[in-house]
Each structure stands twice: as C-alpha cells, then as structure tokens.
Amino acid sequence: MIEDKDIKIQINEYHKLLEDIKAENILLPDEFVSELLIEKLPSSWTNYKQQLKHRHKQMTLQELITHIMVEDKPALKRYENKPDHKRKNNFRNSHPNGSNPVFKKKGN
C-alpha cells in the first residue's frame, strides 16, 4: 500500500485480489489474510499497526477492514461545530467611538 492513494481504494483492491485467489481454489487462513493486510498498511500507520498486532483477540478480515475504515476518518476538532469561544466576551471590548465608558457613582 502507498501513501498517495486512498486507503479505501487500496483495501478494495486487496479484497478483489483475495476473491480472485478464492476463485482459483486457493484457501488462505483468515488470520493470515488479516495479518498480511496489517503488514501492508502504509508506513505512516506504524503506531496503528503496532496496536493491531498486540491485540489479544484476532480479528476477522471484515472486522479489520471496518476497524481500518473507522480509523481512517478524520477526527473532529474540539471546537469545530461550536461558536468561536474566544469571541464570547468581545462585547466587553467593543465601545462606540473607541472611547472608554464613563461610570457614575451612585450615592453621595
């Protein structure tokens, strides 16, 4: 797998290759196929590959593909859908005519 190409397209090509192998009556163990896909992930996925290798439970190919597709989605930024939190109190800093307001004391 290469960095420049979309991971989803590459996984689909891998899946098609496996289907071609099955059509030739060549049976490969599911664990082998899953581990091979993990090994073929791009080099930028090194931490993710290590995490997958050290899992206690072996994943099927379908589980692995689903897991990779979810991992590939960009994470939402913390304030992406929220209003700008820095602008919350801007009304305090804005004064008409650029002058500071004058406050009068009550009482004596």
PDB file of N, CA and C in Angstrom:
ATOM      1  N   MET A   1       0.843  -1.170   0.000  1.00  0.00           N
ATOM      2  CA  MET A   1       0.000   0.000   0.000  1.00  0.00           C
ATOM      3  C   MET A   1       0.892   1.239   0.000  1.00  0.00           C
ATOM      4  N   ILE A   2       0.378   2.289  -0.619  1.00  0.00           N
ATOM      5  CA  ILE A   2       1.166   3.509  -0.734  1.00  0.00           C
ATOM      6  C   ILE A   2       0.429   4.668  -0.080  1.00  0.00           C
ATOM      7  N   GLU A   3       1.187   5.682   0.281  1.00  0.00           N
ATOM      8  CA  GLU A   3       0.640   6.842   0.984  1.00  0.00           C
ATOM      9  C   GLU A   3      -0.254   7.701   0.085  1.00  0.00           C
ATOM     10  N   ASP A   4       0.100   7.797  -1.196  1.00  0.00           N
ATOM     11  CA  ASP A   4      -0.571   8.736  -2.097  1.00  0.00           C
ATOM     12  C   ASP A   4      -1.977   8.323  -2.502  1.00  0.00           C
ATOM     13  N   LYS A   5      -2.298   7.075  -2.339  1.00  0.00           N
ATOM     14  CA  LYS A   5      -3.582   6.547  -2.791  1.00  0.00           C
ATOM     15  C   LYS A   5      -4.521   6.366  -1.609  1.00  0.00           C
ATOM     16  N   ASP A   6      -5.794   6.614  -1.818  1.00  0.00           N
ATOM     17  CA  ASP A   6      -6.798   6.472  -0.762  1.00  0.00           C
ATOM     18  C   ASP A   6      -6.794   5.049  -0.211  1.00  0.00           C
ATOM     19  N   ILE A   7      -6.779   4.940   1.101  1.00  0.00           N
ATOM     20  CA  ILE A   7      -6.705   3.637   1.762  1.00  0.00           C
ATOM     21  C   ILE A   7      -7.908   2.757   1.412  1.00  0.00           C
ATOM     22  N   LYS A   8      -9.071   3.373   1.247  1.00  0.00           N
ATOM     23  CA  LYS A   8     -10.283   2.607   0.926  1.00  0.00           C
ATOM     24  C   LYS A   8     -10.166   1.930  -0.432  1.00  0.00           C
ATOM     25  N   ILE A   9      -9.608   2.638  -1.386  1.00  0.00           N
ATOM     26  CA  ILE A   9      -9.423   2.072  -2.727  1.00  0.00           C
ATOM     27  C   ILE A   9      -8.440   0.909  -2.670  1.00  0.00           C
ATOM     28  N   GLN A  10      -7.368   1.070  -1.915  1.00  0.00           N
ATOM     29  CA  GLN A  10      -6.368   0.020  -1.804  1.00  0.00           C
ATOM     30  C   GLN A  10      -6.925  -1.219  -1.108  1.00  0.00           C
ATOM     31  N   ILE A  11      -7.758  -1.012  -0.093  1.00  0.00           N
ATOM     32  CA  ILE A  11      -8.360  -2.147   0.596  1.00  0.00           C
ATOM     33  C   ILE A  11      -9.335  -2.870  -0.331  1.00  0.00           C
ATOM     34  N   ASN A  12     -10.077  -2.117  -1.141  1.00  0.00           N
ATOM     35  CA  ASN A  12     -10.968  -2.752  -2.118  1.00  0.00           C
ATOM     36  C   ASN A  12     -10.175  -3.591  -3.122  1.00  0.00           C
ATOM     37  N   GLU A  13      -9.023  -3.087  -3.558  1.00  0.00           N
ATOM     38  CA  GLU A  13      -8.179  -3.852  -4.471  1.00  0.00           C
ATOM     39  C   GLU A  13      -7.655  -5.121  -3.800  1.00  0.00           C
ATOM     40  N   TYR A  14      -7.294  -5.010  -2.528  1.00  0.00           N
ATOM     41  CA  TYR A  14      -6.831  -6.165  -1.762  1.00  0.00           C
ATOM     42  C   TYR A  14      -7.941  -7.209  -1.659  1.00  0.00           C
ATOM     43  N   HIS A  15      -9.142  -6.731  -1.390  1.00  0.00           N
ATOM     44  CA  HIS A  15     -10.289  -7.634  -1.263  1.00  0.00           C
ATOM     45  C   HIS A  15     -10.570  -8.332  -2.603  1.00  0.00           C
ATOM     46  N   LYS A  16     -10.484  -7.604  -3.707  1.00  0.00           N
ATOM     47  CA  LYS A  16     -10.678  -8.203  -5.033  1.00  0.00           C
ATOM     48  C   LYS A  16      -9.615  -9.263  -5.320  1.00  0.00           C
ATOM     49  N   LEU A  17      -8.378  -8.968  -4.912  1.00  0.00           N
ATOM     50  CA  LEU A  17      -7.299  -9.936  -5.095  1.00  0.00           C
ATOM     51  C   LEU A  17      -7.579 -11.223  -4.316  1.00  0.00           C
ATOM     52  N   LEU A  18      -8.077 -11.090  -3.107  1.00  0.00           N
ATOM     53  CA  LEU A  18      -8.435 -12.261  -2.309  1.00  0.00           C
ATOM     54  C   LEU A  18      -9.560 -13.061  -2.953  1.00  0.00           C
ATOM     55  N   GLU A  19     -10.523 -12.375  -3.545  1.00  0.00           N
ATOM     56  CA  GLU A  19     -11.615 -13.055  -4.241  1.00  0.00           C
ATOM     57  C   GLU A  19     -11.087 -13.827  -5.449  1.00  0.00           C
ATOM     58  N   ASP A  20     -10.126 -13.245  -6.161  1.00  0.00           N
ATOM     59  CA  ASP A  20      -9.510 -13.939  -7.301  1.00  0.00           C
ATOM     60  C   ASP A  20      -8.772 -15.192  -6.833  1.00  0.00           C
ATOM     61  N   ILE A  21      -8.093 -15.095  -5.692  1.00  0.00           N
ATOM     62  CA  ILE A  21      -7.377 -16.242  -5.139  1.00  0.00           C
ATOM     63  C   ILE A  21      -8.368 -17.345  -4.759  1.00  0.00           C
ATOM     64  N   LYS A  22      -9.479 -16.967  -4.153  1.00  0.00           N
ATOM     65  CA  LYS A  22     -10.511 -17.952  -3.790  1.00  0.00           C
ATOM     66  C   LYS A  22     -11.104 -18.605  -5.039  1.00  0.00           C
ATOM     67  N   ALA A  23     -11.253 -17.831  -6.103  1.00  0.00           N
ATOM     68  CA  ALA A  23     -11.804 -18.377  -7.350  1.00  0.00           C
ATOM     69  C   ALA A  23     -10.880 -19.431  -7.950  1.00  0.00           C
ATOM     70  N   GLU A  24      -9.609 -19.361  -7.645  1.00  0.00           N
ATOM     71  CA  GLU A  24      -8.636 -20.354  -8.117  1.00  0.00           C
ATOM     72  C   GLU A  24      -8.533 -21.540  -7.162  1.00  0.00           C
ATOM     73  N   ASN A  25      -9.463 -21.614  -6.202  1.00  0.00           N
ATOM     74  CA  ASN A  25      -9.499 -22.695  -5.199  1.00  0.00           C
ATOM     75  C   ASN A  25      -8.255 -22.729  -4.310  1.00  0.00           C
ATOM     76  N   ILE A  26      -7.702 -21.558  -4.049  1.00  0.00           N
ATOM     77  CA  ILE A  26      -6.586 -21.439  -3.116  1.00  0.00           C
ATOM     78  C   ILE A  26      -7.155 -20.898  -1.812  1.00  0.00           C
ATOM     79  N   LEU A  27      -7.045 -21.677  -0.761  1.00  0.00           N
ATOM     80  CA  LEU A  27      -7.597 -21.273   0.528  1.00  0.00           C
ATOM     81  C   LEU A  27      -6.485 -20.760   1.431  1.00  0.00           C
ATOM     82  N   LEU A  28      -6.698 -19.575   1.957  1.00  0.00           N
ATOM     83  CA  LEU A  28      -5.754 -18.976   2.899  1.00  0.00           C
ATOM     84  C   LEU A  28      -6.465 -18.787   4.239  1.00  0.00           C
ATOM     85  N   PRO A  29      -5.787 -19.073   5.337  1.00  0.00           N
ATOM     86  CA  PRO A  29      -6.414 -18.863   6.648  1.00  0.00           C
ATOM     87  C   PRO A  29      -6.748 -17.385   6.860  1.00  0.00           C
ATOM     88  N   ASP A  30      -7.894 -17.144   7.481  1.00  0.00           N
ATOM     89  CA  ASP A  30      -8.362 -15.773   7.691  1.00  0.00           C
ATOM     90  C   ASP A  30      -7.366 -14.966   8.524  1.00  0.00           C
ATOM     91  N   GLU A  31      -6.737 -15.610   9.509  1.00  0.00           N
ATOM     92  CA  GLU A  31      -5.750 -14.912  10.340  1.00  0.00           C
ATOM     93  C   GLU A  31      -4.571 -14.433   9.498  1.00  0.00           C
ATOM     94  N   PHE A  32      -4.143 -15.279   8.573  1.00  0.00           N
ATOM     95  CA  PHE A  32      -3.034 -14.931   7.689  1.00  0.00           C
ATOM     96  C   PHE A  32      -3.398 -13.725   6.821  1.00  0.00           C
ATOM     97  N   VAL A  33      -4.588 -13.749   6.252  1.00  0.00           N
ATOM     98  CA  VAL A  33      -5.054 -12.676   5.368  1.00  0.00           C
ATOM     99  C   VAL A  33      -5.152 -11.355   6.140  1.00  0.00           C
ATOM    100  N   SER A  34      -5.648 -11.420   7.370  1.00  0.00           N
ATOM    101  CA  SER A  34      -5.777 -10.216   8.202  1.00  0.00           C
ATOM    102  C   SER A  34      -4.408  -9.655   8.571  1.00  0.00           C
ATOM    103  N   GLU A  35      -3.507 -10.537   8.999  1.00  0.00           N
ATOM    104  CA  GLU A  35      -2.158 -10.103   9.376  1.00  0.00           C
ATOM    105  C   GLU A  35      -1.404  -9.528   8.186  1.00  0.00           C
ATOM    106  N   LEU A  36      -1.615 -10.096   7.022  1.00  0.00           N
ATOM    107  CA  LEU A  36      -0.973  -9.585   5.821  1.00  0.00           C
ATOM    108  C   LEU A  36      -1.460  -8.166   5.513  1.00  0.00           C
ATOM    109  N   LEU A  37      -2.743  -7.935   5.666  1.00  0.00           N
ATOM    110  CA  LEU A  37      -3.279  -6.593   5.436  1.00  0.00           C
ATOM    111  C   LEU A  37      -2.679  -5.603   6.426  1.00  0.00           C
ATOM    112  N   ILE A  38      -2.548  -6.003   7.674  1.00  0.00           N
ATOM    113  CA  ILE A  38      -1.944  -5.119   8.685  1.00  0.00           C
ATOM    114  C   ILE A  38      -0.506  -4.772   8.279  1.00  0.00           C
ATOM    115  N   GLU A  39       0.241  -5.771   7.839  1.00  0.00           N
ATOM    116  CA  GLU A  39       1.635  -5.544   7.434  1.00  0.00           C
ATOM    117  C   GLU A  39       1.740  -4.624   6.223  1.00  0.00           C
ATOM    118  N   LYS A  40       0.748  -4.659   5.356  1.00  0.00           N
ATOM    119  CA  LYS A  40       0.793  -3.870   4.132  1.00  0.00           C
ATOM    120  C   LYS A  40       0.290  -2.432   4.305  1.00  0.00           C
ATOM    121  N   LEU A  41      -0.177  -2.075   5.486  1.00  0.00           N
ATOM    122  CA  LEU A  41      -0.620  -0.695   5.711  1.00  0.00           C
ATOM    123  C   LEU A  41       0.547   0.261   5.491  1.00  0.00           C
ATOM    124  N   PRO A  42       0.266   1.490   5.078  1.00  0.00           N
ATOM    125  CA  PRO A  42       1.345   2.459   4.796  1.00  0.00           C
ATOM    126  C   PRO A  42       2.229   2.706   6.020  1.00  0.00           C
ATOM    127  N   SER A  43       3.430   3.167   5.765  1.00  0.00           N
ATOM    128  CA  SER A  43       4.399   3.382   6.847  1.00  0.00           C
ATOM    129  C   SER A  43       3.960   4.463   7.831  1.00  0.00           C
ATOM    130  N   SER A  44       3.121   5.379   7.407  1.00  0.00           N
ATOM    131  CA  SER A  44       2.635   6.423   8.319  1.00  0.00           C
ATOM    132  C   SER A  44       1.672   5.856   9.365  1.00  0.00           C
ATOM    133  N   TRP A  45       1.222   4.643   9.187  1.00  0.00           N
ATOM    134  CA  TRP A  45       0.288   3.989  10.103  1.00  0.00           C
ATOM    135  C   TRP A  45       1.026   3.108  11.112  1.00  0.00           C
ATOM    136  N   THR A  46       2.295   3.338  11.358  1.00  0.00           N
ATOM    137  CA  THR A  46       3.113   2.465  12.194  1.00  0.00           C
ATOM    138  C   THR A  46       2.519   2.249  13.577  1.00  0.00           C
ATOM    139  N   ASN A  47       2.110   3.314  14.255  1.00  0.00           N
ATOM    140  CA  ASN A  47       1.542   3.167  15.599  1.00  0.00           C
ATOM    141  C   ASN A  47       0.257   2.344  15.573  1.00  0.00           C
ATOM    142  N   TYR A  48      -0.560   2.590  14.582  1.00  0.00           N
ATOM    143  CA  TYR A  48      -1.812   1.844  14.450  1.00  0.00           C
ATOM    144  C   TYR A  48      -1.528   0.367  14.176  1.00  0.00           C
ATOM    145  N   LYS A  49      -0.536   0.092  13.333  1.00  0.00           N
ATOM    146  CA  LYS A  49      -0.160  -1.289  13.036  1.00  0.00           C
ATOM    147  C   LYS A  49       0.303  -2.001  14.300  1.00  0.00           C
ATOM    148  N   GLN A  50       1.103  -1.332  15.092  1.00  0.00           N
ATOM    149  CA  GLN A  50       1.585  -1.934  16.339  1.00  0.00           C
ATOM    150  C   GLN A  50       0.425  -2.236  17.284  1.00  0.00           C
ATOM    151  N   GLN A  51      -0.511  -1.308  17.354  1.00  0.00           N
ATOM    152  CA  GLN A  51      -1.698  -1.501  18.209  1.00  0.00           C
ATOM    153  C   GLN A  51      -2.483  -2.738  17.754  1.00  0.00           C
ATOM    154  N   LEU A  52      -2.657  -2.903  16.456  1.00  0.00           N
ATOM    155  CA  LEU A  52      -3.388  -4.056  15.931  1.00  0.00           C
ATOM    156  C   LEU A  52      -2.649  -5.361  16.172  1.00  0.00           C
ATOM    157  N   LYS A  53      -1.337  -5.342  16.054  1.00  0.00           N
ATOM    158  CA  LYS A  53      -0.549  -6.556  16.248  1.00  0.00           C
ATOM    159  C   LYS A  53      -0.606  -7.060  17.689  1.00  0.00           C
ATOM    160  N   HIS A  54      -0.756  -6.141  18.620  1.00  0.00           N
ATOM    161  CA  HIS A  54      -0.716  -6.521  20.033  1.00  0.00           C
ATOM    162  C   HIS A  54      -2.089  -6.716  20.650  1.00  0.00           C
ATOM    163  N   ARG A  55      -3.098  -6.832  19.837  1.00  0.00           N
ATOM    164  CA  ARG A  55      -4.441  -7.113  20.343  1.00  0.00           C
ATOM    165  C   ARG A  55      -4.509  -8.544  20.854  1.00  0.00           C
ATOM    166  N   HIS A  56      -5.314  -8.734  21.870  1.00  0.00           N
ATOM    167  CA  HIS A  56      -5.459 -10.077  22.430  1.00  0.00           C
ATOM    168  C   HIS A  56      -6.339 -10.964  21.552  1.00  0.00           C
ATOM    169  N   LYS A  57      -7.332 -10.352  20.939  1.00  0.00           N
ATOM    170  CA  LYS A  57      -8.264 -11.114  20.104  1.00  0.00           C
ATOM    171  C   LYS A  57      -7.920 -10.909  18.629  1.00  0.00           C
ATOM    172  N   GLN A  58      -7.879 -12.000  17.906  1.00  0.00           N
ATOM    173  CA  GLN A  58      -7.625 -11.932  16.471  1.00  0.00           C
ATOM    174  C   GLN A  58      -8.884 -11.448  15.761  1.00  0.00           C
ATOM    175  N   MET A  59      -8.737 -10.524  14.818  1.00  0.00           N
ATOM    176  CA  MET A  59      -9.878 -10.000  14.073  1.00  0.00           C
ATOM    177  C   MET A  59     -10.025 -10.743  12.756  1.00  0.00           C
ATOM    178  N   THR A  60     -11.274 -10.892  12.343  1.00  0.00           N
ATOM    179  CA  THR A  60     -11.523 -11.413  11.007  1.00  0.00           C
ATOM    180  C   THR A  60     -11.195 -10.317  10.003  1.00  0.00           C
ATOM    181  N   LEU A  61     -11.142 -10.672   8.750  1.00  0.00           N
ATOM    182  CA  LEU A  61     -10.830  -9.692   7.718  1.00  0.00           C
ATOM    183  C   LEU A  61     -11.884  -8.596   7.692  1.00  0.00           C
ATOM    184  N   GLN A  62     -13.154  -8.969   7.785  1.00  0.00           N
ATOM    185  CA  GLN A  62     -14.226  -7.967   7.756  1.00  0.00           C
ATOM    186  C   GLN A  62     -14.140  -7.017   8.958  1.00  0.00           C
ATOM    187  N   GLU A  63     -13.854  -7.568  10.128  1.00  0.00           N
ATOM    188  CA  GLU A  63     -13.698  -6.726  11.323  1.00  0.00           C
ATOM    189  C   GLU A  63     -12.519  -5.772  11.158  1.00  0.00           C
ATOM    190  N   LEU A  64     -11.438  -6.288  10.614  1.00  0.00           N
ATOM    191  CA  LEU A  64     -10.253  -5.464  10.404  1.00  0.00           C
ATOM    192  C   LEU A  64     -10.521  -4.340   9.412  1.00  0.00           C
ATOM    193  N   ILE A  65     -11.173  -4.669   8.319  1.00  0.00           N
ATOM    194  CA  ILE A  65     -11.490  -3.644   7.312  1.00  0.00           C
ATOM    195  C   ILE A  65     -12.378  -2.566   7.920  1.00  0.00           C
ATOM    196  N   THR A  66     -13.385  -2.968   8.680  1.00  0.00           N
ATOM    197  CA  THR A  66     -14.262  -1.993   9.337  1.00  0.00           C
ATOM    198  C   THR A  66     -13.460  -1.130  10.298  1.00  0.00           C
ATOM    199  N   HIS A  67     -12.588  -1.744  11.058  1.00  0.00           N
ATOM    200  CA  HIS A  67     -11.763  -1.021  12.025  1.00  0.00           C
ATOM    201  C   HIS A  67     -10.868  -0.006  11.324  1.00  0.00           C
ATOM    202  N   ILE A  68     -10.268  -0.401  10.207  1.00  0.00           N
ATOM    203  CA  ILE A  68      -9.396   0.494   9.446  1.00  0.00           C
ATOM    204  C   ILE A  68     -10.195   1.647   8.858  1.00  0.00           C
ATOM    205  N   MET A  69     -11.375   1.360   8.336  1.00  0.00           N
ATOM    206  CA  MET A  69     -12.197   2.422   7.738  1.00  0.00           C
ATOM    207  C   MET A  69     -12.606   3.452   8.781  1.00  0.00           C
ATOM    208  N   VAL A  70     -12.912   2.997   9.973  1.00  0.00           N
ATOM    209  CA  VAL A  70     -13.280   3.936  11.039  1.00  0.00           C
ATOM    210  C   VAL A  70     -12.063   4.754  11.443  1.00  0.00           C
ATOM    211  N   GLU A  71     -10.915   4.124  11.512  1.00  0.00           N
ATOM    212  CA  GLU A  71      -9.686   4.816  11.897  1.00  0.00           C
ATOM    213  C   GLU A  71      -9.290   5.850  10.859  1.00  0.00           C
ATOM    214  N   ASP A  72      -9.600   5.601   9.607  1.00  0.00           N
ATOM    215  CA  ASP A  72      -9.209   6.483   8.511  1.00  0.00           C
ATOM    216  C   ASP A  72      -9.984   7.793   8.506  1.00  0.00           C
ATOM    217  N   LYS A  73     -11.165   7.825   9.114  1.00  0.00           N
ATOM    218  CA  LYS A  73     -11.969   9.050   9.121  1.00  0.00           C
ATOM    219  C   LYS A  73     -11.259  10.120   9.937  1.00  0.00           C
ATOM    220  N   PRO A  74     -11.235  11.362   9.441  1.00  0.00           N
ATOM    221  CA  PRO A  74     -10.566  12.409  10.212  1.00  0.00           C
ATOM    222  C   PRO A  74     -11.310  12.697  11.508  1.00  0.00           C
ATOM    223  N   ALA A  75     -10.565  12.896  12.557  1.00  0.00           N
ATOM    224  CA  ALA A  75     -11.166  13.195  13.861  1.00  0.00           C
ATOM    225  C   ALA A  75     -11.716  14.612  13.868  1.00  0.00           C
ATOM    226  N   LEU A  76     -12.845  14.775  14.500  1.00  0.00           N
ATOM    227  CA  LEU A  76     -13.426  16.104  14.608  1.00  0.00           C
ATOM    228  C   LEU A  76     -12.611  16.936  15.577  1.00  0.00           C
ATOM    229  N   LYS A  77     -12.439  18.190  15.237  1.00  0.00           N
ATOM    230  CA  LYS A  77     -11.733  19.083  16.137  1.00  0.00           C
ATOM    231  C   LYS A  77     -12.655  19.453  17.287  1.00  0.00           C
ATOM    232  N   ARG A  78     -12.059  19.769  18.405  1.00  0.00           N
ATOM    233  CA  ARG A  78     -12.823  20.010  19.624  1.00  0.00           C
ATOM    234  C   ARG A  78     -13.859  21.118  19.460  1.00  0.00           C
ATOM    235  N   TYR A  79     -13.490  22.195  18.804  1.00  0.00           N
ATOM    236  CA  TYR A  79     -14.404  23.335  18.691  1.00  0.00           C
ATOM    237  C   TYR A  79     -14.928  23.507  17.265  1.00  0.00           C
ATOM    238  N   GLU A  80     -14.914  22.444  16.493  1.00  0.00           N
ATOM    239  CA  GLU A  80     -15.270  22.555  15.085  1.00  0.00           C
ATOM    240  C   GLU A  80     -16.707  23.038  14.878  1.00  0.00           C
ATOM    241  N   ASN A  81     -17.658  22.489  15.608  1.00  0.00           N
ATOM    242  CA  ASN A  81     -19.052  22.844  15.399  1.00  0.00           C
ATOM    243  C   ASN A  81     -19.583  23.822  16.442  1.00  0.00           C
ATOM    244  N   LYS A  82     -18.703  24.323  17.267  1.00  0.00           N
ATOM    245  CA  LYS A  82     -19.121  25.252  18.307  1.00  0.00           C
ATOM    246  C   LYS A  82     -18.760  26.668  17.878  1.00  0.00           C
ATOM    247  N   PRO A  83     -19.472  27.653  18.401  1.00  0.00           N
ATOM    248  CA  PRO A  83     -19.096  29.023  18.075  1.00  0.00           C
ATOM    249  C   PRO A  83     -17.707  29.331  18.624  1.00  0.00           C
ATOM    250  N   ASP A  84     -17.081  30.331  18.069  1.00  0.00           N
ATOM    251  CA  ASP A  84     -15.729  30.690  18.472  1.00  0.00           C
ATOM    252  C   ASP A  84     -15.713  31.076  19.942  1.00  0.00           C
ATOM    253  N   HIS A  85     -15.060  30.282  20.765  1.00  0.00           N
ATOM    254  CA  HIS A  85     -15.060  30.513  22.210  1.00  0.00           C
ATOM    255  C   HIS A  85     -14.246  31.741  22.595  1.00  0.00           C
ATOM    256  N   LYS A  86     -13.358  32.201  21.736  1.00  0.00           N
ATOM    257  CA  LYS A  86     -12.568  33.397  22.031  1.00  0.00           C
ATOM    258  C   LYS A  86     -13.390  34.663  21.840  1.00  0.00           C
ATOM    259  N   ARG A  87     -14.410  34.597  21.042  1.00  0.00           N
ATOM    260  CA  ARG A  87     -15.230  35.773  20.747  1.00  0.00           C
ATOM    261  C   ARG A  87     -16.373  35.941  21.738  1.00  0.00           C
ATOM    262  N   LYS A  88     -16.440  35.086  22.716  1.00  0.00           N
ATOM    263  CA  LYS A  88     -17.550  35.060  23.663  1.00  0.00           C
ATOM    264  C   LYS A  88     -17.751  36.404  24.366  1.00  0.00           C
ATOM    265  N   ASN A  89     -16.671  37.009  24.790  1.00  0.00           N
ATOM    266  CA  ASN A  89     -16.772  38.249  25.555  1.00  0.00           C
ATOM    267  C   ASN A  89     -16.308  39.469  24.768  1.00  0.00           C
ATOM    268  N   ASN A  90     -16.362  39.416  23.456  1.00  0.00           N
ATOM    269  CA  ASN A  90     -15.913  40.548  22.648  1.00  0.00           C
ATOM    270  C   ASN A  90     -16.767  41.782  22.851  1.00  0.00           C
ATOM    271  N   PHE A  91     -18.008  41.620  23.309  1.00  0.00           N
ATOM    272  CA  PHE A  91     -18.862  42.786  23.513  1.00  0.00           C
ATOM    273  C   PHE A  91     -18.287  43.689  24.605  1.00  0.00           C
ATOM    274  N   ARG A  92     -17.520  43.161  25.519  1.00  0.00           N
ATOM    275  CA  ARG A  92     -16.917  43.967  26.582  1.00  0.00           C
ATOM    276  C   ARG A  92     -15.797  44.846  26.042  1.00  0.00           C
ATOM    277  N   ASN A  93     -15.143  44.381  25.000  1.00  0.00           N
ATOM    278  CA  ASN A  93     -14.003  45.109  24.458  1.00  0.00           C
ATOM    279  C   ASN A  93     -14.400  46.110  23.387  1.00  0.00           C
ATOM    280  N   SER A  94     -15.615  46.079  22.923  1.00  0.00           N
ATOM    281  CA  SER A  94     -16.015  46.990  21.857  1.00  0.00           C
ATOM    282  C   SER A  94     -16.839  48.142  22.438  1.00  0.00           C
ATOM    283  N   HIS A  95     -16.397  49.335  22.160  1.00  0.00           N
ATOM    284  CA  HIS A  95     -17.085  50.529  22.638  1.00  0.00           C
ATOM    285  C   HIS A  95     -17.340  51.445  21.463  1.00  0.00           C
ATOM    286  N   PRO A  96     -18.472  52.120  21.450  1.00  0.00           N
ATOM    287  CA  PRO A  96     -18.729  53.058  20.355  1.00  0.00           C
ATOM    288  C   PRO A  96     -17.718  54.204  20.393  1.00  0.00           C
ATOM    289  N   ASN A  97     -17.337  54.673  19.239  1.00  0.00           N
ATOM    290  CA  ASN A  97     -16.412  55.791  19.067  1.00  0.00           C
ATOM    291  C   ASN A  97     -15.030  55.517  19.652  1.00  0.00           C
ATOM    292  N   GLY A  98     -14.739  54.305  20.016  1.00  0.00           N
ATOM    293  CA  GLY A  98     -13.417  53.955  20.505  1.00  0.00           C
ATOM    294  C   GLY A  98     -13.064  54.538  21.864  1.00  0.00           C
ATOM    295  N   SER A  99     -14.018  55.116  22.574  1.00  0.00           N
ATOM    296  CA  SER A  99     -13.710  55.712  23.877  1.00  0.00           C
ATOM    297  C   SER A  99     -14.123  54.763  24.999  1.00  0.00           C
ATOM    298  N   ASN A 100     -13.515  54.951  26.167  1.00  0.00           N
ATOM    299  CA  ASN A 100     -13.864  54.155  27.310  1.00  0.00           C
ATOM    300  C   ASN A 100     -15.131  54.690  27.938  1.00  0.00           C
ATOM    301  N   PRO A 101     -16.010  53.832  28.429  1.00  0.00           N
ATOM    302  CA  PRO A 101     -17.240  54.326  29.030  1.00  0.00           C
ATOM    303  C   PRO A 101     -16.951  54.994  30.368  1.00  0.00           C
ATOM    304  N   VAL A 102     -17.801  55.953  30.705  1.00  0.00           N
ATOM    305  CA  VAL A 102     -17.669  56.666  31.974  1.00  0.00           C
ATOM    306  C   VAL A 102     -18.760  56.154  32.899  1.00  0.00           C
ATOM    307  N   PHE A 103     -18.349  55.717  34.086  1.00  0.00           N
ATOM    308  CA  PHE A 103     -19.305  55.194  35.055  1.00  0.00           C
ATOM    309  C   PHE A 103     -19.510  56.236  36.150  1.00  0.00           C
ATOM    310  N   LYS A 104     -20.764  56.434  36.530  1.00  0.00           N
ATOM    311  CA  LYS A 104     -21.073  57.380  37.594  1.00  0.00           C
ATOM    312  C   LYS A 104     -21.324  56.599  38.873  1.00  0.00           C
ATOM    313  N   LYS A 105     -20.844  57.149  40.006  1.00  0.00           N
ATOM    314  CA  LYS A 105     -21.067  56.507  41.275  1.00  0.00           C
ATOM    315  C   LYS A 105     -22.441  56.877  41.791  1.00  0.00           C
ATOM    316  N   LYS A 106     -23.109  55.924  42.404  1.00  0.00           N
ATOM    317  CA  LYS A 106     -24.409  56.189  42.998  1.00  0.00           C
ATOM    318  C   LYS A 106     -24.183  56.601  44.447  1.00  0.00           C
ATOM    319  N   GLY A 107     -25.038  57.405  44.931  1.00  0.00           N
ATOM    320  CA  GLY A 107     -24.971  57.804  46.335  1.00  0.00           C
ATOM    321  C   GLY A 107     -24.260  59.134  46.508  1.00  0.00           C
ATOM    322  N   ASN A 108     -23.644  59.382  47.659  1.00  0.00           N
ATOM    323  CA  ASN A 108     -23.015  60.669  47.972  1.00  0.00           C
ATOM    324  C   ASN A 108     -21.838  60.954  47.123  1.00  0.00           C
TER     325      ASN A 108
END
